[in-house]
């Protein structure tokens, strides 16, 4: 496998040579299982966050952005799924709907119901599975470029990239709130990309190719 930056240096320290790139993946058959949860022509636009409730994940920035959005749009609601140190603080905010920690089936249902998924993280992690799952279920995604997110989110094509700043998050959310066609196009493009490039079937093909190279 091929790695970059600090991870690559760590591998070199142990004389490990990378031979390919393997990313997180999703079971694309899950789309058919949960797609019946879609709600056409619903009254509210639902924005969803799923992840650890910690500062580095940008959840406090999203909370502040939500206050601005709520002051302008009465048909928008923000749902937050997850647990963490900030849970009790966020619970005091009545403009948020906290879902707590959800089992896999439940979070997939919420992806299917949501219109927009937000990943406002400033944490340099790998490719977030939440972004792939949201894309699979045809959410329009607003995300920062932290970590491996840019491997799947191409700005204005498969989603909208924002800075880990309140005003930037608000700007991108408003673009989707005010332009349903844009939201749907980005969601469809992301769904297609996830199915074509980030399925477990694709990952297996890549593993077999790496193994084949080793045996040559």
Protein backbone atom coordinates (compact mmCIF):
# COMPACT_ATOMS: atom_id res chain seq x y z
CA UNK A 1 0.00 0.00 0.00
CA UNK A 2 1.04 3.59 -0.50
CA UNK A 3 0.84 6.03 2.39
CA UNK A 4 1.67 9.71 2.64
CA UNK A 5 3.20 12.21 5.07
CA UNK A 6 3.88 11.17 8.64
CA UNK A 7 2.46 7.67 8.10
CA UNK A 8 4.87 7.09 5.22
CA UNK A 9 7.84 8.16 7.36
CA UNK A 10 6.67 5.82 10.12
CA UNK A 11 6.63 2.92 7.67
CA UNK A 12 10.07 3.82 6.33
CA UNK A 13 11.44 3.76 9.88
CA UNK A 14 10.59 0.06 10.04
CA UNK A 15 11.81 -0.60 6.49
CA UNK A 16 8.26 -1.27 5.27
CA UNK A 17 7.61 -0.49 1.63
CA UNK A 18 4.04 0.44 0.70
CA UNK A 19 2.60 -1.04 -2.50
CA UNK A 20 -0.88 0.39 -2.91
CA UNK A 21 -3.72 2.45 -1.46
CA UNK A 22 -6.62 0.93 0.43
CA UNK A 23 -9.36 3.17 1.80
CA UNK A 24 -12.48 2.68 3.88
CA UNK A 25 -15.38 1.19 1.97
CA UNK A 26 -19.11 0.51 2.28
CA UNK A 27 -21.52 -2.24 1.31
CA UNK A 28 -23.34 -0.66 -1.62
CA UNK A 29 -26.17 -3.21 -1.35
CA UNK A 30 -27.23 -1.36 1.81
CA UNK A 31 -28.70 1.39 -0.36
CA UNK A 32 -31.53 -0.87 -1.53
CA UNK A 33 -32.14 -1.96 2.06
CA UNK A 34 -32.63 1.54 3.44
CA UNK A 35 -33.75 3.64 0.46
CA UNK A 36 -37.43 3.17 1.35
CA UNK A 37 -36.80 5.56 4.25
CA UNK A 38 -36.52 8.47 1.81
CA UNK A 39 -39.17 11.11 2.40
CA UNK A 40 -40.13 13.04 -0.70
CA UNK A 41 -41.84 16.43 -0.38
CA UNK A 42 -41.36 16.59 3.39
CA UNK A 43 -41.86 19.95 5.04
CA UNK A 44 -38.45 20.25 6.70
CA UNK A 45 -34.92 20.13 5.35
CA UNK A 46 -32.98 17.82 7.66
CA UNK A 47 -29.26 18.36 8.26
CA UNK A 48 -27.41 15.49 9.93
CA UNK A 49 -24.13 15.18 11.82
CA UNK A 50 -22.85 11.81 13.00
CA UNK A 51 -19.69 11.27 15.00
CA UNK A 52 -17.91 11.83 18.28
CA UNK A 53 -19.08 14.92 20.15
CA UNK A 54 -15.67 16.51 20.63
CA UNK A 55 -14.28 19.91 19.71
CA UNK A 56 -11.88 18.64 17.01
CA UNK A 57 -14.83 17.17 15.10
CA UNK A 58 -16.22 20.69 14.65
CA UNK A 59 -19.49 20.03 16.42
CA UNK A 60 -19.37 23.35 18.32
CA UNK A 61 -18.80 25.20 15.05
CA UNK A 62 -21.81 23.39 13.62
CA UNK A 63 -23.87 24.38 16.66
CA UNK A 64 -23.02 28.05 16.10
CA UNK A 65 -23.72 27.75 12.38
CA UNK A 66 -27.08 26.19 13.20
CA UNK A 67 -28.07 29.22 15.27
CA UNK A 68 -27.54 31.43 12.23
CA UNK A 69 -29.38 29.02 9.94
CA UNK A 70 -32.30 28.73 12.38
CA UNK A 71 -32.64 32.52 12.52
CA UNK A 72 -33.12 32.61 8.74
CA UNK A 73 -34.92 29.37 7.88
CA UNK A 74 -37.82 27.94 9.83
CA UNK A 75 -37.99 24.79 7.71
CA UNK A 76 -34.52 23.50 8.61
CA UNK A 77 -33.59 21.20 11.49
CA UNK A 78 -30.22 19.87 12.67
CA UNK A 79 -29.95 16.32 13.97
CA UNK A 80 -26.82 15.22 15.85
CA UNK A 81 -26.00 11.55 16.31
CA UNK A 82 -23.22 10.46 18.61
CA UNK A 83 -21.82 10.56 22.10
CA UNK A 84 -18.89 12.34 23.70
CA UNK A 85 -17.77 14.92 26.25
CA UNK A 86 -19.84 17.70 24.67
CA UNK A 87 -23.14 15.82 24.87
CA UNK A 88 -24.41 17.48 28.08
CA UNK A 89 -23.46 20.94 26.80
CA UNK A 90 -25.20 20.42 23.48
CA UNK A 91 -28.27 18.99 25.21
CA UNK A 92 -28.96 22.46 26.65
CA UNK A 93 -29.47 23.83 23.13
CA UNK A 94 -33.13 23.31 22.33
CA UNK A 95 -32.59 24.15 18.65
CA UNK A 96 -30.73 20.85 18.23
CA UNK A 97 -32.16 17.37 18.09
CA UNK A 98 -29.71 15.03 19.82
CA UNK A 99 -30.08 11.39 18.84
CA UNK A 100 -27.39 9.93 21.09
CA UNK A 101 -25.36 6.91 20.07
CA UNK A 102 -27.20 4.92 17.42
CA UNK A 103 -26.95 1.33 16.25
CA UNK A 104 -25.93 0.83 12.61
CA UNK A 105 -29.47 0.21 11.34
CA UNK A 106 -30.76 3.40 12.92
CA UNK A 107 -28.00 5.67 11.66
CA UNK A 108 -28.47 4.30 8.14
CA UNK A 109 -32.16 5.16 8.38
CA UNK A 110 -31.26 8.70 9.40
CA UNK A 111 -28.85 9.02 6.46
CA UNK A 112 -31.70 7.95 4.19
CA UNK A 113 -34.05 10.55 5.68
CA UNK A 114 -31.57 13.43 5.78
CA UNK A 115 -31.11 15.95 2.99
CA UNK A 116 -27.66 17.22 3.98
CA UNK A 117 -24.79 15.62 5.89
CA UNK A 118 -22.14 17.83 7.52
CA UNK A 119 -18.62 16.81 8.48
CA UNK A 120 -17.06 20.02 9.93
CA UNK A 121 -14.01 18.27 11.38
CA UNK A 122 -10.58 19.85 11.76
CA UNK A 123 -9.19 16.48 12.83
CA UNK A 124 -6.72 15.02 10.30
CA UNK A 125 -8.13 11.49 10.22
CA UNK A 126 -8.41 9.00 7.40
CA UNK A 127 -11.36 8.87 5.04
CA UNK A 128 -14.45 9.09 7.31
CA UNK A 129 -16.85 6.18 6.88
CA UNK A 130 -19.67 8.58 7.78
CA UNK A 131 -19.05 10.55 4.57
CA UNK A 132 -19.16 7.36 2.51
CA UNK A 133 -22.35 6.15 4.22
CA UNK A 134 -24.04 9.53 3.79
CA UNK A 135 -23.02 9.58 0.13
CA UNK A 136 -24.30 6.06 -0.41
CA UNK A 137 -27.68 7.12 0.94
CA UNK A 138 -27.79 10.21 -1.32
CA UNK A 139 -27.18 12.97 1.18
CA UNK A 140 -25.65 16.16 -0.17
CA UNK A 141 -22.43 16.58 1.80
CA UNK A 142 -20.76 19.66 3.26
CA UNK A 143 -17.33 18.83 4.64
CA UNK A 144 -13.92 20.25 5.44
CA UNK A 145 -10.90 18.97 3.57
CA UNK A 146 -9.38 17.49 6.74
CA UNK A 147 -7.82 14.06 6.42
CA UNK A 148 -8.94 11.83 3.58
CA UNK A 149 -12.29 13.50 2.90
CA UNK A 150 -11.01 15.09 -0.33
CA UNK A 151 -10.54 11.61 -1.77
CA UNK A 152 -14.31 11.44 -2.17
CA UNK A 153 -15.58 15.04 -1.90
CA UNK A 154 -14.68 17.12 -4.94
CA UNK A 155 -15.88 20.68 -4.42
CA UNK A 156 -18.99 21.57 -6.45
CA UNK A 157 -19.07 18.11 -7.99
CA UNK A 158 -19.60 15.45 -5.33
CA UNK A 159 -20.17 17.85 -2.44
CA UNK A 160 -19.20 21.24 -1.03
CA UNK A 161 -15.95 21.84 0.81
CA UNK A 162 -15.98 24.31 3.66
CA UNK A 163 -13.40 25.73 6.04
CA UNK A 164 -13.59 24.77 9.74
CA UNK A 165 -15.21 28.15 10.39
CA UNK A 166 -18.77 29.10 11.29
CA UNK A 167 -19.33 31.50 8.38
CA UNK A 168 -17.97 29.03 5.83
CA UNK A 169 -20.23 26.25 7.13
CA UNK A 170 -23.24 28.59 6.99
CA UNK A 171 -22.39 29.69 3.45
CA UNK A 172 -22.23 26.14 2.12
CA UNK A 173 -25.36 25.04 3.95
CA UNK A 174 -27.28 27.99 2.54
CA UNK A 175 -26.18 27.08 -0.97
CA UNK A 176 -27.89 23.72 -0.57
CA UNK A 177 -30.91 25.00 1.35
CA UNK A 178 -31.65 27.55 -1.36
CA UNK A 179 -30.87 25.37 -4.38
CA UNK A 180 -32.64 22.01 -4.33
CA UNK A 181 -31.37 21.16 -7.82
CA UNK A 182 -27.75 21.67 -6.75
CA UNK A 183 -28.34 19.59 -3.63
CA UNK A 184 -29.80 16.69 -5.58
CA UNK A 185 -27.10 16.81 -8.28
CA UNK A 186 -24.29 16.72 -5.74
CA UNK A 187 -26.00 13.87 -3.90
CA UNK A 188 -26.42 11.83 -7.09
CA UNK A 189 -22.81 12.44 -8.14
CA UNK A 190 -21.53 11.40 -4.73
CA UNK A 191 -23.71 8.29 -4.66
CA UNK A 192 -22.32 7.24 -8.04
CA UNK A 193 -18.73 7.84 -6.95
CA UNK A 194 -19.14 5.89 -3.71
CA UNK A 195 -20.71 2.94 -5.55
CA UNK A 196 -18.03 2.90 -8.25
CA UNK A 197 -14.90 3.58 -6.20
CA UNK A 198 -15.56 2.86 -2.53
CA UNK A 199 -17.41 -0.46 -2.43
CA UNK A 200 -16.06 -3.51 -0.64
CA UNK A 201 -16.04 -5.25 -4.02
CA UNK A 202 -13.66 -2.59 -5.34
CA UNK A 203 -11.45 -2.95 -2.26
CA UNK A 204 -11.24 -6.73 -2.77
CA UNK A 205 -10.17 -6.16 -6.40
CA UNK A 206 -7.41 -3.83 -5.22
CA UNK A 207 -6.21 -6.32 -2.59
CA UNK A 208 -6.07 -9.10 -5.17
CA UNK A 209 -4.12 -6.83 -7.51
CA UNK A 210 -1.56 -6.07 -4.79
CA UNK A 211 -1.24 -9.77 -3.98
CA UNK A 212 -0.81 -10.52 -7.70
CA UNK A 213 2.02 -7.97 -7.93
CA UNK A 214 3.79 -9.64 -5.01
CA UNK A 215 3.58 -13.05 -6.68
CA UNK A 216 5.02 -11.88 -10.01
